[in-house]
Amino acid sequence: MSGRSLDQPHRRIRITLVEPEGKINFAFILRLAKNFGIEDICVVKPRFSIKDPEVLRFATRGIDLIEKGKVVVRETLNDCLENSKVVVCTTSKERGSRDVLRVAVSPVFLSLILPRTGTITLIFGRESTGLTREELKVCDIVSVIETGTSYNVLNLSHAVAIYLYELTARRCETGVFGNECSNETYKAMLREAWKISSALGKDEAYLVLKRILARASLRGKECGVLYKLFKSIAKLLVKD
């Protein structure tokens, strides 16, 4: 059975790799994308040519993705976020940290909280250093793979395999009924929340609120109510 037949209806997974360093790792990720029916790969400033002979040799049938233009190379991470409904960043550095920037969820639960429609951008950092703090700030959700040991830093392609399995092959139901919040309303709600946080000088509060809302599996009516609430509060705080 192919990965595409297992993919949840209308959910589109975009794999984003930030400055990948290993050619063979990249080739294996192309193979995984082919396995799971992923046809949207964005690569930020790779340290090699994506058509390097070593990449092509190990990618096997994953070469199709390059030949069909499904792999794009971009200069900045923001270039890979276009039309994203939810942005998920992966890290190995949660480990009970008090840092709100790294409050994370397990990949096992991502299918329960992610919307079933729209583009889910799944970001993986550099093999050597991962993602920077500035890069983590663009994320709606941060996720970490817990291995149950003191060493949970996985090979990049292995981590990609786990996430693709959890998000495509596992048929998890959300358990939350009703139409999902539209991308337009969700983004508008976040803009009003940002106005409130900025007016109060609480940038960190906005980051926390954004992460909570992304994990909440909001329904359309709920988004509408929150949008109106945030907009009313913003009008009280922000003067034209």
C-alpha atoms as a PDB file:
ATOM      1  CA  MET A   1       0.000   0.000   0.000  1.00  0.00           C
ATOM      2  CA  SER A   2       1.420   3.360  -0.945  1.00  0.00           C
ATOM      3  CA  GLY A   3       1.969   6.283   1.409  1.00  0.00           C
ATOM      4  CA  ARG A   4      -0.472   8.427  -0.559  1.00  0.00           C
ATOM      5  CA  SER A   5      -3.381   6.105   0.053  1.00  0.00           C
ATOM      6  CA  LEU A   6      -2.657   6.304   3.785  1.00  0.00           C
ATOM      7  CA  ASP A   7      -2.374  10.071   3.919  1.00  0.00           C
ATOM      8  CA  GLN A   8      -5.162  11.876   5.690  1.00  0.00           C
ATOM      9  CA  PRO A   9      -7.578  13.664   3.308  1.00  0.00           C
ATOM     10  CA  HIS A  10      -6.489  17.156   2.330  1.00  0.00           C
ATOM     11  CA  ARG A  11      -3.608  17.330   4.838  1.00  0.00           C
ATOM     12  CA  ARG A  12      -0.399  18.243   3.019  1.00  0.00           C
ATOM     13  CA  ILE A  13       2.964  17.643   4.671  1.00  0.00           C
ATOM     14  CA  ARG A  14       5.879  19.863   3.689  1.00  0.00           C
ATOM     15  CA  ILE A  15       9.312  18.662   4.780  1.00  0.00           C
ATOM     16  CA  THR A  16      11.650  21.596   5.406  1.00  0.00           C
ATOM     17  CA  LEU A  17      15.364  21.009   5.983  1.00  0.00           C
ATOM     18  CA  VAL A  18      17.482  23.874   7.317  1.00  0.00           C
ATOM     19  CA  GLU A  19      21.038  23.848   5.983  1.00  0.00           C
ATOM     20  CA  PRO A  20      21.370  20.045   5.679  1.00  0.00           C
ATOM     21  CA  GLU A  21      24.976  18.893   5.787  1.00  0.00           C
ATOM     22  CA  GLY A  22      24.934  15.218   4.816  1.00  0.00           C
ATOM     23  CA  LYS A  23      24.396  14.092   1.245  1.00  0.00           C
ATOM     24  CA  ILE A  24      23.484  10.529   2.166  1.00  0.00           C
ATOM     25  CA  ASN A  25      21.093  11.699   4.881  1.00  0.00           C
ATOM     26  CA  PHE A  26      19.401  13.929   2.333  1.00  0.00           C
ATOM     27  CA  ALA A  27      19.188  11.053  -0.144  1.00  0.00           C
ATOM     28  CA  PHE A  28      17.546   8.832   2.485  1.00  0.00           C
ATOM     29  CA  ILE A  29      15.030  11.600   3.242  1.00  0.00           C
ATOM     30  CA  LEU A  30      14.102  11.692  -0.447  1.00  0.00           C
ATOM     31  CA  ARG A  31      13.514   7.943  -0.280  1.00  0.00           C
ATOM     32  CA  LEU A  32      11.343   8.376   2.810  1.00  0.00           C
ATOM     33  CA  ALA A  33       9.337  11.119   1.115  1.00  0.00           C
ATOM     34  CA  LYS A  34       8.731   8.745  -1.777  1.00  0.00           C
ATOM     35  CA  ASN A  35       7.685   5.996   0.661  1.00  0.00           C
ATOM     36  CA  PHE A  36       5.132   8.201   2.397  1.00  0.00           C
ATOM     37  CA  GLY A  37       3.816  10.079  -0.623  1.00  0.00           C
ATOM     38  CA  ILE A  38       5.286  13.474   0.320  1.00  0.00           C
ATOM     39  CA  GLU A  39       5.692  15.771  -2.675  1.00  0.00           C
ATOM     40  CA  ASP A  40       6.621  19.064  -1.039  1.00  0.00           C
ATOM     41  CA  ILE A  41      10.224  19.433   0.157  1.00  0.00           C
ATOM     42  CA  CYS A  42      11.853  22.789   0.880  1.00  0.00           C
ATOM     43  CA  VAL A  43      15.601  22.967   1.515  1.00  0.00           C
ATOM     44  CA  VAL A  44      17.211  26.053   3.059  1.00  0.00           C
ATOM     45  CA  LYS A  45      20.789  26.679   1.943  1.00  0.00           C
ATOM     46  CA  PRO A  46      21.995  23.069   1.629  1.00  0.00           C
ATOM     47  CA  ARG A  47      25.734  22.481   2.052  1.00  0.00           C
ATOM     48  CA  PHE A  48      25.851  20.534  -1.219  1.00  0.00           C
ATOM     49  CA  SER A  49      24.097  20.361  -4.565  1.00  0.00           C
ATOM     50  CA  ILE A  50      20.790  18.516  -4.305  1.00  0.00           C
ATOM     51  CA  LYS A  51      21.767  16.864  -7.614  1.00  0.00           C
ATOM     52  CA  ASP A  52      25.155  15.712  -6.356  1.00  0.00           C
ATOM     53  CA  PRO A  53      26.001  12.218  -7.758  1.00  0.00           C
ATOM     54  CA  GLU A  54      26.151  10.786  -4.237  1.00  0.00           C
ATOM     55  CA  VAL A  55      22.639  12.083  -3.508  1.00  0.00           C
ATOM     56  CA  LEU A  56      21.295  10.597  -6.720  1.00  0.00           C
ATOM     57  CA  ARG A  57      22.995   7.261  -6.063  1.00  0.00           C
ATOM     58  CA  PHE A  58      21.462   6.751  -2.620  1.00  0.00           C
ATOM     59  CA  ALA A  59      18.066   8.343  -3.249  1.00  0.00           C
ATOM     60  CA  THR A  60      16.996   5.545  -5.646  1.00  0.00           C
ATOM     61  CA  ARG A  61      13.329   6.196  -6.562  1.00  0.00           C
ATOM     62  CA  GLY A  62      13.397   9.401  -4.522  1.00  0.00           C
ATOM     63  CA  ILE A  63      15.185  10.954  -7.489  1.00  0.00           C
ATOM     64  CA  ASP A  64      11.712  11.408  -9.017  1.00  0.00           C
ATOM     65  CA  LEU A  65      11.036  14.209  -6.537  1.00  0.00           C
ATOM     66  CA  ILE A  66      14.008  16.206  -7.822  1.00  0.00           C
ATOM     67  CA  GLU A  67      13.260  15.506 -11.462  1.00  0.00           C
ATOM     68  CA  LYS A  68       9.609  16.540 -11.078  1.00  0.00           C
ATOM     69  CA  GLY A  69      10.460  19.782  -9.278  1.00  0.00           C
ATOM     70  CA  LYS A  70       9.028  18.702  -5.919  1.00  0.00           C
ATOM     71  CA  VAL A  71      12.237  19.734  -4.134  1.00  0.00           C
ATOM     72  CA  VAL A  72      12.935  23.473  -3.978  1.00  0.00           C
ATOM     73  CA  VAL A  73      15.978  25.286  -2.605  1.00  0.00           C
ATOM     74  CA  ARG A  74      15.457  28.573  -0.753  1.00  0.00           C
ATOM     75  CA  GLU A  75      17.693  31.169   0.898  1.00  0.00           C
ATOM     76  CA  THR A  76      15.720  31.687   4.127  1.00  0.00           C
ATOM     77  CA  LEU A  77      13.456  29.642   6.366  1.00  0.00           C
ATOM     78  CA  ASN A  78      10.621  32.127   5.899  1.00  0.00           C
ATOM     79  CA  ASP A  79      10.678  31.328   2.183  1.00  0.00           C
ATOM     80  CA  CYS A  80       9.578  27.785   3.093  1.00  0.00           C
ATOM     81  CA  LEU A  81       6.632  28.835   5.249  1.00  0.00           C
ATOM     82  CA  GLU A  82       4.343  30.162   2.517  1.00  0.00           C
ATOM     83  CA  ASN A  83       0.731  28.965   2.854  1.00  0.00           C
ATOM     84  CA  SER A  84       1.512  26.977   6.003  1.00  0.00           C
ATOM     85  CA  LYS A  85      -1.445  26.351   8.284  1.00  0.00           C
ATOM     86  CA  VAL A  86       0.700  25.021  11.128  1.00  0.00           C
ATOM     87  CA  VAL A  87       4.487  25.085  11.449  1.00  0.00           C
ATOM     88  CA  VAL A  88       6.054  22.289  13.502  1.00  0.00           C
ATOM     89  CA  CYS A  89       9.709  22.496  14.524  1.00  0.00           C
ATOM     90  CA  THR A  90      11.623  19.469  15.761  1.00  0.00           C
ATOM     91  CA  THR A  91      14.294  19.579  18.452  1.00  0.00           C
ATOM     92  CA  SER A  92      16.180  17.254  20.781  1.00  0.00           C
ATOM     93  CA  LYS A  93      16.639  19.862  23.515  1.00  0.00           C
ATOM     94  CA  GLU A  94      13.375  19.968  25.449  1.00  0.00           C
ATOM     95  CA  ARG A  95      14.373  17.698  28.319  1.00  0.00           C
ATOM     96  CA  GLY A  96      12.231  19.413  30.963  1.00  0.00           C
ATOM     97  CA  SER A  97      13.613  22.871  30.236  1.00  0.00           C
ATOM     98  CA  ARG A  98      11.964  25.948  31.750  1.00  0.00           C
ATOM     99  CA  ASP A  99      12.466  27.684  28.425  1.00  0.00           C
ATOM    100  CA  VAL A 100       8.979  28.402  27.007  1.00  0.00           C
ATOM    101  CA  LEU A 101      10.491  28.417  23.539  1.00  0.00           C
ATOM    102  CA  ARG A 102      11.166  24.683  23.849  1.00  0.00           C
ATOM    103  CA  VAL A 103       7.970  23.422  25.465  1.00  0.00           C
ATOM    104  CA  ALA A 104       7.387  20.404  23.254  1.00  0.00           C
ATOM    105  CA  VAL A 105       5.003  17.575  22.415  1.00  0.00           C
ATOM    106  CA  SER A 106       5.766  14.039  21.326  1.00  0.00           C
ATOM    107  CA  PRO A 107       5.318  13.104  17.643  1.00  0.00           C
ATOM    108  CA  VAL A 108       2.905  10.410  18.847  1.00  0.00           C
ATOM    109  CA  PHE A 109       0.360  13.123  19.686  1.00  0.00           C
ATOM    110  CA  LEU A 110       0.850  15.366  16.673  1.00  0.00           C
ATOM    111  CA  SER A 111      -1.821  13.604  14.621  1.00  0.00           C
ATOM    112  CA  LEU A 112      -4.271  14.213  17.455  1.00  0.00           C
ATOM    113  CA  ILE A 113      -3.742  17.961  17.606  1.00  0.00           C
ATOM    114  CA  LEU A 114      -2.822  18.939  14.050  1.00  0.00           C
ATOM    115  CA  PRO A 115      -5.568  20.011  11.637  1.00  0.00           C
ATOM    116  CA  ARG A 116      -6.639  17.469   9.046  1.00  0.00           C
ATOM    117  CA  THR A 117      -6.654  20.096   6.299  1.00  0.00           C
ATOM    118  CA  GLY A 118      -4.087  22.569   4.981  1.00  0.00           C
ATOM    119  CA  THR A 119      -0.302  22.519   4.776  1.00  0.00           C
ATOM    120  CA  ILE A 120       1.655  21.291   7.787  1.00  0.00           C
ATOM    121  CA  THR A 121       5.263  22.448   7.521  1.00  0.00           C
ATOM    122  CA  LEU A 122       7.582  20.100   9.383  1.00  0.00           C
ATOM    123  CA  ILE A 123      10.997  21.688  10.037  1.00  0.00           C
ATOM    124  CA  PHE A 124      14.225  19.818  10.773  1.00  0.00           C
ATOM    125  CA  GLY A 125      17.408  21.629  11.796  1.00  0.00           C
ATOM    126  CA  ARG A 126      21.063  21.148  10.994  1.00  0.00           C
ATOM    127  CA  GLU A 127      22.606  17.773  11.796  1.00  0.00           C
ATOM    128  CA  SER A 128      25.327  19.490  13.857  1.00  0.00           C
ATOM    129  CA  THR A 129      23.525  22.266  15.727  1.00  0.00           C
ATOM    130  CA  GLY A 130      19.787  21.937  15.108  1.00  0.00           C
ATOM    131  CA  LEU A 131      17.603  25.046  14.946  1.00  0.00           C
ATOM    132  CA  THR A 132      18.506  28.441  16.380  1.00  0.00           C
ATOM    133  CA  ARG A 133      16.312  30.264  18.871  1.00  0.00           C
ATOM    134  CA  GLU A 134      15.248  32.724  16.181  1.00  0.00           C
ATOM    135  CA  GLU A 135      14.202  29.840  13.956  1.00  0.00           C
ATOM    136  CA  LEU A 136      12.226  28.226  16.781  1.00  0.00           C
ATOM    137  CA  LYS A 137      10.232  31.442  17.169  1.00  0.00           C
ATOM    138  CA  VAL A 138       8.513  30.927  13.809  1.00  0.00           C
ATOM    139  CA  CYS A 139       7.041  27.625  15.030  1.00  0.00           C
ATOM    140  CA  ASP A 140       3.473  27.068  16.135  1.00  0.00           C
ATOM    141  CA  ILE A 141       4.375  23.757  17.761  1.00  0.00           C
ATOM    142  CA  VAL A 142       7.693  22.310  18.902  1.00  0.00           C
ATOM    143  CA  SER A 143       8.104  18.541  18.995  1.00  0.00           C
ATOM    144  CA  VAL A 144      10.742  16.275  20.504  1.00  0.00           C
ATOM    145  CA  ILE A 145      11.345  12.523  20.246  1.00  0.00           C
ATOM    146  CA  GLU A 146      11.884  11.048  23.689  1.00  0.00           C
ATOM    147  CA  THR A 147      13.912   7.846  23.625  1.00  0.00           C
ATOM    148  CA  GLY A 148      13.743   7.132  27.341  1.00  0.00           C
ATOM    149  CA  THR A 149      17.508   7.589  27.674  1.00  0.00           C
ATOM    150  CA  SER A 150      19.859  10.484  28.324  1.00  0.00           C
ATOM    151  CA  TYR A 151      20.800  10.478  24.625  1.00  0.00           C
ATOM    152  CA  ASN A 152      17.870  11.327  22.356  1.00  0.00           C
ATOM    153  CA  VAL A 153      19.752  12.928  19.455  1.00  0.00           C
ATOM    154  CA  LEU A 154      18.750  10.848  16.446  1.00  0.00           C
ATOM    155  CA  ASN A 155      20.243  10.720  12.986  1.00  0.00           C
ATOM    156  CA  LEU A 156      18.347  13.221  10.827  1.00  0.00           C
ATOM    157  CA  SER A 157      16.884  10.710   8.394  1.00  0.00           C
ATOM    158  CA  HIS A 158      15.794   8.466  11.285  1.00  0.00           C
ATOM    159  CA  ALA A 159      13.973  11.362  12.923  1.00  0.00           C
ATOM    160  CA  VAL A 160      12.264  12.226   9.625  1.00  0.00           C
ATOM    161  CA  ALA A 161      11.114   8.598   9.312  1.00  0.00           C
ATOM    162  CA  ILE A 162       9.487   8.681  12.751  1.00  0.00           C
ATOM    163  CA  TYR A 163       7.629  11.923  12.084  1.00  0.00           C
ATOM    164  CA  LEU A 164       6.399  10.865   8.648  1.00  0.00           C
ATOM    165  CA  TYR A 165       5.126   7.605  10.083  1.00  0.00           C
ATOM    166  CA  GLU A 166       3.265   9.363  12.875  1.00  0.00           C
ATOM    167  CA  LEU A 167       1.751  12.019  10.606  1.00  0.00           C
ATOM    168  CA  THR A 168       0.802   9.904   7.601  1.00  0.00           C
ATOM    169  CA  ALA A 169       0.750   6.170   8.213  1.00  0.00           C
ATOM    170  CA  ARG A 170      -0.890   6.295  11.625  1.00  0.00           C
ATOM    171  CA  ARG A 171      -4.628   6.852  11.217  1.00  0.00           C
ATOM    172  CA  CYS A 172      -5.259   8.840  14.392  1.00  0.00           C
ATOM    173  CA  GLU A 173      -8.622  10.554  14.761  1.00  0.00           C
ATOM    174  CA  THR A 174      -8.737  13.932  16.448  1.00  0.00           C
ATOM    175  CA  GLY A 175     -11.729  13.118  18.642  1.00  0.00           C
ATOM    176  CA  VAL A 176     -12.836  16.766  18.163  1.00  0.00           C
ATOM    177  CA  PHE A 177     -15.875  17.198  15.946  1.00  0.00           C
ATOM    178  CA  GLY A 178     -17.021  20.101  13.799  1.00  0.00           C
ATOM    179  CA  ASN A 179     -15.420  22.130  11.031  1.00  0.00           C
ATOM    180  CA  GLU A 180     -11.847  23.206  11.640  1.00  0.00           C
ATOM    181  CA  CYS A 181     -10.856  26.821  12.012  1.00  0.00           C
ATOM    182  CA  SER A 182     -10.123  28.293   8.595  1.00  0.00           C
ATOM    183  CA  ASN A 183      -6.554  29.368   7.924  1.00  0.00           C
ATOM    184  CA  GLU A 184      -7.716  32.952   7.255  1.00  0.00           C
ATOM    185  CA  THR A 185      -9.579  33.273  10.560  1.00  0.00           C
ATOM    186  CA  TYR A 186      -6.782  31.588  12.475  1.00  0.00           C
ATOM    187  CA  LYS A 187      -4.141  33.975  11.099  1.00  0.00           C
ATOM    188  CA  ALA A 188      -6.412  36.973  11.719  1.00  0.00           C
ATOM    189  CA  MET A 189      -6.899  35.825  15.313  1.00  0.00           C
ATOM    190  CA  LEU A 190      -3.129  35.604  15.795  1.00  0.00           C
ATOM    191  CA  ARG A 191      -2.650  39.097  14.353  1.00  0.00           C
ATOM    192  CA  GLU A 192      -5.044  40.525  16.937  1.00  0.00           C
ATOM    193  CA  ALA A 193      -3.295  38.551  19.693  1.00  0.00           C
ATOM    194  CA  TRP A 194       0.021  40.011  18.521  1.00  0.00           C
ATOM    195  CA  LYS A 195      -1.405  43.548  18.723  1.00  0.00           C
ATOM    196  CA  ILE A 196      -2.441  42.914  22.323  1.00  0.00           C
ATOM    197  CA  SER A 197       0.912  41.442  23.328  1.00  0.00           C
ATOM    198  CA  SER A 198       2.833  44.245  21.622  1.00  0.00           C
ATOM    199  CA  ALA A 199       0.723  46.929  23.294  1.00  0.00           C
ATOM    200  CA  LEU A 200       1.454  45.346  26.678  1.00  0.00           C
ATOM    201  CA  GLY A 201       5.116  44.724  25.901  1.00  0.00           C
ATOM    202  CA  LYS A 202       4.607  40.977  26.386  1.00  0.00           C
ATOM    203  CA  ASP A 203       6.199  39.359  23.335  1.00  0.00           C
ATOM    204  CA  GLU A 204       6.851  36.125  25.210  1.00  0.00           C
ATOM    205  CA  ALA A 205       3.158  35.920  26.155  1.00  0.00           C
ATOM    206  CA  TYR A 206       2.242  36.015  22.466  1.00  0.00           C
ATOM    207  CA  LEU A 207       4.631  33.160  21.721  1.00  0.00           C
ATOM    208  CA  VAL A 208       3.087  31.061  24.501  1.00  0.00           C
ATOM    209  CA  LEU A 209      -0.463  31.883  23.381  1.00  0.00           C
ATOM    210  CA  LYS A 210       0.345  31.015  19.756  1.00  0.00           C
ATOM    211  CA  ARG A 211       1.707  27.622  20.810  1.00  0.00           C
ATOM    212  CA  ILE A 212      -1.320  26.887  23.010  1.00  0.00           C
ATOM    213  CA  LEU A 213      -3.766  27.791  20.241  1.00  0.00           C
ATOM    214  CA  ALA A 214      -1.878  25.614  17.750  1.00  0.00           C
ATOM    215  CA  ARG A 215      -2.227  22.622  20.085  1.00  0.00           C
ATOM    216  CA  ALA A 216      -5.900  23.256  20.861  1.00  0.00           C
ATOM    217  CA  SER A 217      -7.575  21.732  17.743  1.00  0.00           C
ATOM    218  CA  LEU A 218      -9.833  24.781  17.530  1.00  0.00           C
ATOM    219  CA  ARG A 219     -13.113  24.517  15.640  1.00  0.00           C
ATOM    220  CA  GLY A 220     -14.417  27.220  13.318  1.00  0.00           C
ATOM    221  CA  LYS A 221     -16.931  28.747  15.718  1.00  0.00           C
ATOM    222  CA  GLU A 222     -14.366  28.807  18.513  1.00  0.00           C
ATOM    223  CA  CYS A 223     -11.903  30.671  16.307  1.00  0.00           C
ATOM    224  CA  GLY A 224     -14.577  33.201  15.411  1.00  0.00           C
ATOM    225  CA  VAL A 225     -15.374  33.902  19.056  1.00  0.00           C
ATOM    226  CA  LEU A 226     -11.700  34.256  20.008  1.00  0.00           C
ATOM    227  CA  TYR A 227     -11.006  36.485  17.010  1.00  0.00           C
ATOM    228  CA  LYS A 228     -13.790  38.881  18.063  1.00  0.00           C
ATOM    229  CA  LEU A 229     -12.563  38.847  21.659  1.00  0.00           C
ATOM    230  CA  PHE A 230      -8.947  39.582  20.723  1.00  0.00           C
ATOM    231  CA  LYS A 231     -10.027  42.262  18.260  1.00  0.00           C
ATOM    232  CA  SER A 232     -12.135  44.002  20.922  1.00  0.00           C
ATOM    233  CA  ILE A 233      -9.278  43.915  23.418  1.00  0.00           C
ATOM    234  CA  ALA A 234      -6.811  45.176  20.801  1.00  0.00           C
ATOM    235  CA  LYS A 235      -9.072  48.140  20.026  1.00  0.00           C
ATOM    236  CA  LEU A 236      -9.025  49.091  23.693  1.00  0.00           C
ATOM    237  CA  LEU A 237      -5.241  48.881  23.888  1.00  0.00           C
ATOM    238  CA  VAL A 238      -4.053  50.067  20.495  1.00  0.00           C
ATOM    239  CA  LYS A 239      -4.747  53.643  19.450  1.00  0.00           C
ATOM    240  CA  ASP A 240      -4.816  54.563  15.766  1.00  0.00           C
END
